[in-house]
Amino acid sequence: MHECVAEFIEKMGLVLEGEGLPRIAGRLFGFLLVHPESFSLDELAEQLQVSKASISTNARHLEQHGILERTSEPGNRRDYYRMDPDAWEGLLRAAQHKWNAMRVLLTAGAAALPEEMEVGRARLIEAEQFHLLLLDGLERMTERWARRQPDEVAASGSTSSDG
């Protein structure tokens, strides 16, 4: 493996570990992000120098979050993993689901608080409004992402935003 790729993979592991995911999940994500082909659990374990069980556990976790896709080959009983083609939209939708669940909880909590808990109710309503703002922004991002041209980023060769 090229040194810069190995370094990227390790850094991705640390970044996602900082976000509360296992470091192996981050390393797996980083590896599949830079490799377009599908890999078996054995191949991934060998490339990342971790156990097959660890790869399996973390691949399932990333698959459940819409980041990885499990594939198969005709006549082959092995599972293969690659980046989900809709991974970025999947991440937006997962955030939307999480923030909406929080908003629903905050709304119900504010409605259920006794009258004398005026400050608590105001805080819950403020938090609900914050989550509504997040959801509105997320919906706009999802729509903008869906309208992009698939090869827009590849053609630009840039990681900067257009505002």
Protein backbone atom coordinates (compact mmCIF):
# COMPACT_ATOMS: atom_id res chain seq x y z
CA MET A 1 0.00 0.00 0.00
CA HIS A 2 1.33 3.43 -0.91
CA GLU A 3 2.55 5.41 2.11
CA CYS A 4 0.20 8.38 1.54
CA VAL A 5 -2.78 6.00 1.30
CA ALA A 6 -1.81 4.26 4.54
CA GLU A 7 -1.44 7.64 6.24
CA PHE A 8 -4.85 8.78 4.96
CA ILE A 9 -6.47 5.56 6.21
CA GLU A 10 -4.92 5.94 9.66
CA LYS A 11 -5.99 9.57 9.91
CA MET A 12 -9.53 8.67 8.86
CA GLY A 13 -9.58 6.08 11.64
CA LEU A 14 -8.60 8.73 14.17
CA VAL A 15 -11.14 11.26 12.87
CA LEU A 16 -14.04 8.82 13.02
CA GLU A 17 -12.87 7.57 16.39
CA GLY A 18 -13.21 11.17 17.54
CA GLU A 19 -16.79 11.05 16.27
CA GLY A 20 -17.56 8.03 18.45
CA LEU A 21 -17.04 5.23 15.93
CA PRO A 22 -14.49 2.45 16.34
CA ARG A 23 -11.11 3.32 14.84
CA ILE A 24 -11.33 0.20 12.64
CA ALA A 25 -14.61 1.48 11.15
CA GLY A 26 -12.83 4.71 10.24
CA ARG A 27 -9.89 2.87 8.74
CA LEU A 28 -12.25 0.63 6.75
CA PHE A 29 -14.15 3.68 5.53
CA GLY A 30 -10.90 5.40 4.53
CA PHE A 31 -9.66 2.33 2.67
CA LEU A 32 -12.86 1.84 0.68
CA LEU A 33 -13.15 5.56 0.02
CA VAL A 34 -9.94 5.54 -2.02
CA HIS A 35 -10.43 2.12 -3.66
CA PRO A 36 -13.34 1.86 -6.12
CA GLU A 37 -13.45 -1.93 -6.30
CA SER A 38 -15.17 -4.39 -3.96
CA PHE A 39 -13.18 -6.39 -1.39
CA SER A 40 -13.89 -9.57 0.54
CA LEU A 41 -13.62 -9.65 4.32
CA ASP A 42 -10.38 -11.64 3.98
CA GLU A 43 -8.89 -9.05 1.61
CA LEU A 44 -9.93 -6.17 3.87
CA ALA A 45 -8.52 -7.89 6.95
CA GLU A 46 -5.22 -8.44 5.15
CA GLN A 47 -5.01 -4.91 3.78
CA LEU A 48 -5.84 -3.27 7.11
CA GLN A 49 -3.93 -5.85 9.18
CA VAL A 50 -6.81 -6.57 11.56
CA SER A 51 -8.92 -9.63 12.26
CA LYS A 52 -11.61 -10.78 9.88
CA ALA A 53 -14.11 -10.63 12.79
CA SER A 54 -13.29 -6.98 13.39
CA ILE A 55 -13.72 -6.16 9.72
CA SER A 56 -17.02 -8.05 9.64
CA THR A 57 -18.39 -6.22 12.68
CA ASN A 58 -17.34 -2.80 11.44
CA ALA A 59 -18.45 -3.43 7.85
CA ARG A 60 -21.93 -4.34 9.12
CA HIS A 61 -21.98 -1.16 11.20
CA LEU A 62 -21.02 1.01 8.23
CA GLU A 63 -23.47 -0.88 6.01
CA GLN A 64 -26.32 -0.12 8.46
CA HIS A 65 -25.43 3.57 8.22
CA GLY A 66 -25.59 3.50 4.42
CA ILE A 67 -21.87 4.08 3.98
CA LEU A 68 -20.85 0.65 2.66
CA GLU A 69 -22.64 -1.66 0.31
CA ARG A 70 -22.44 -5.45 0.48
CA THR A 71 -22.23 -7.13 -2.90
CA SER A 72 -21.75 -10.65 -4.19
CA GLU A 73 -20.42 -12.35 -7.28
CA PRO A 74 -22.25 -15.08 -9.19
CA GLY A 75 -21.11 -18.52 -8.06
CA ASN A 76 -19.20 -17.12 -5.10
CA ARG A 77 -20.58 -17.38 -1.55
CA ARG A 78 -18.37 -14.63 -0.19
CA ASP A 79 -19.63 -11.16 0.61
CA TYR A 80 -17.77 -8.19 -0.82
CA TYR A 81 -17.84 -4.60 0.37
CA ARG A 82 -17.43 -1.27 -1.35
CA MET A 83 -18.53 2.31 -0.83
CA ASP A 84 -22.27 2.69 -1.27
CA PRO A 85 -22.83 4.78 -4.41
CA ASP A 86 -25.34 6.87 -2.42
CA ALA A 87 -23.21 7.10 0.74
CA TRP A 88 -23.28 10.88 1.01
CA GLU A 89 -27.03 11.17 0.59
CA GLY A 90 -27.38 8.29 3.04
CA LEU A 91 -25.37 10.20 5.63
CA LEU A 92 -27.58 13.24 5.14
CA ARG A 93 -30.72 11.11 5.52
CA ALA A 94 -29.31 9.42 8.65
CA ALA A 95 -28.64 12.83 10.22
CA GLN A 96 -32.14 13.92 9.23
CA HIS A 97 -33.65 10.86 10.91
CA LYS A 98 -31.60 11.41 14.09
CA TRP A 99 -32.40 15.12 14.36
CA ASN A 100 -36.10 14.56 13.63
CA ALA A 101 -36.29 11.93 16.38
CA MET A 102 -34.75 14.47 18.76
CA ARG A 103 -37.22 17.14 17.62
CA VAL A 104 -40.18 14.81 18.23
CA LEU A 105 -38.88 14.01 21.72
CA LEU A 106 -38.38 17.70 22.53
CA THR A 107 -41.88 18.57 21.32
CA ALA A 108 -43.47 15.82 23.40
CA GLY A 109 -41.33 16.73 26.42
CA ALA A 110 -42.32 20.40 26.26
CA ALA A 111 -46.00 19.48 26.00
CA ALA A 112 -45.79 17.04 28.92
CA LEU A 113 -43.96 19.26 31.42
CA PRO A 114 -46.06 20.55 34.30
CA GLU A 115 -47.09 24.20 34.18
CA GLU A 116 -44.70 25.22 36.97
CA MET A 117 -41.69 24.08 34.88
CA GLU A 118 -41.83 27.17 32.66
CA VAL A 119 -38.04 27.51 32.26
CA GLY A 120 -37.64 23.84 31.37
CA ARG A 121 -40.44 24.08 28.81
CA ALA A 122 -38.84 27.19 27.27
CA ARG A 123 -35.52 25.34 26.96
CA LEU A 124 -37.17 22.37 25.28
CA ILE A 125 -39.00 24.64 22.86
CA GLU A 126 -35.75 26.46 22.06
CA ALA A 127 -34.02 23.13 21.44
CA GLU A 128 -36.94 22.05 19.24
CA GLN A 129 -36.61 25.26 17.20
CA PHE A 130 -32.89 24.64 16.85
CA HIS A 131 -33.55 21.14 15.50
CA LEU A 132 -36.16 22.52 13.09
CA LEU A 133 -33.47 24.89 11.79
CA LEU A 134 -31.04 21.98 11.41
CA LEU A 135 -33.66 19.92 9.58
CA ASP A 136 -34.50 22.78 7.23
CA GLY A 137 -30.82 23.27 6.39
CA LEU A 138 -30.31 19.55 5.97
CA GLU A 139 -33.27 19.30 3.58
CA ARG A 140 -31.78 22.10 1.48
CA MET A 141 -28.38 20.36 1.46
CA THR A 142 -29.98 17.07 0.43
CA GLU A 143 -31.86 18.76 -2.42
CA ARG A 144 -28.72 20.57 -3.54
CA TRP A 145 -26.74 17.32 -3.41
CA ALA A 146 -29.38 15.53 -5.49
CA ARG A 147 -29.24 18.28 -8.16
CA ARG A 148 -25.47 18.13 -8.59
CA GLN A 149 -23.97 16.59 -11.67
CA PRO A 150 -22.38 13.22 -10.75
CA ASP A 151 -19.02 14.07 -12.27
CA GLU A 152 -19.01 17.68 -11.04
CA VAL A 153 -16.49 17.10 -8.24
CA ALA A 154 -14.24 14.82 -10.29
CA ALA A 155 -14.08 17.35 -13.09
CA SER A 156 -13.23 20.23 -10.78
CA GLY A 157 -10.41 18.39 -9.00
CA SER A 158 -11.12 20.67 -6.06
CA THR A 159 -12.33 20.20 -2.54
CA SER A 160 -13.36 23.82 -2.06
CA SER A 161 -16.98 24.90 -1.82
CA ASP A 162 -18.71 27.28 -4.21
CA GLY A 163 -20.47 28.92 -1.27
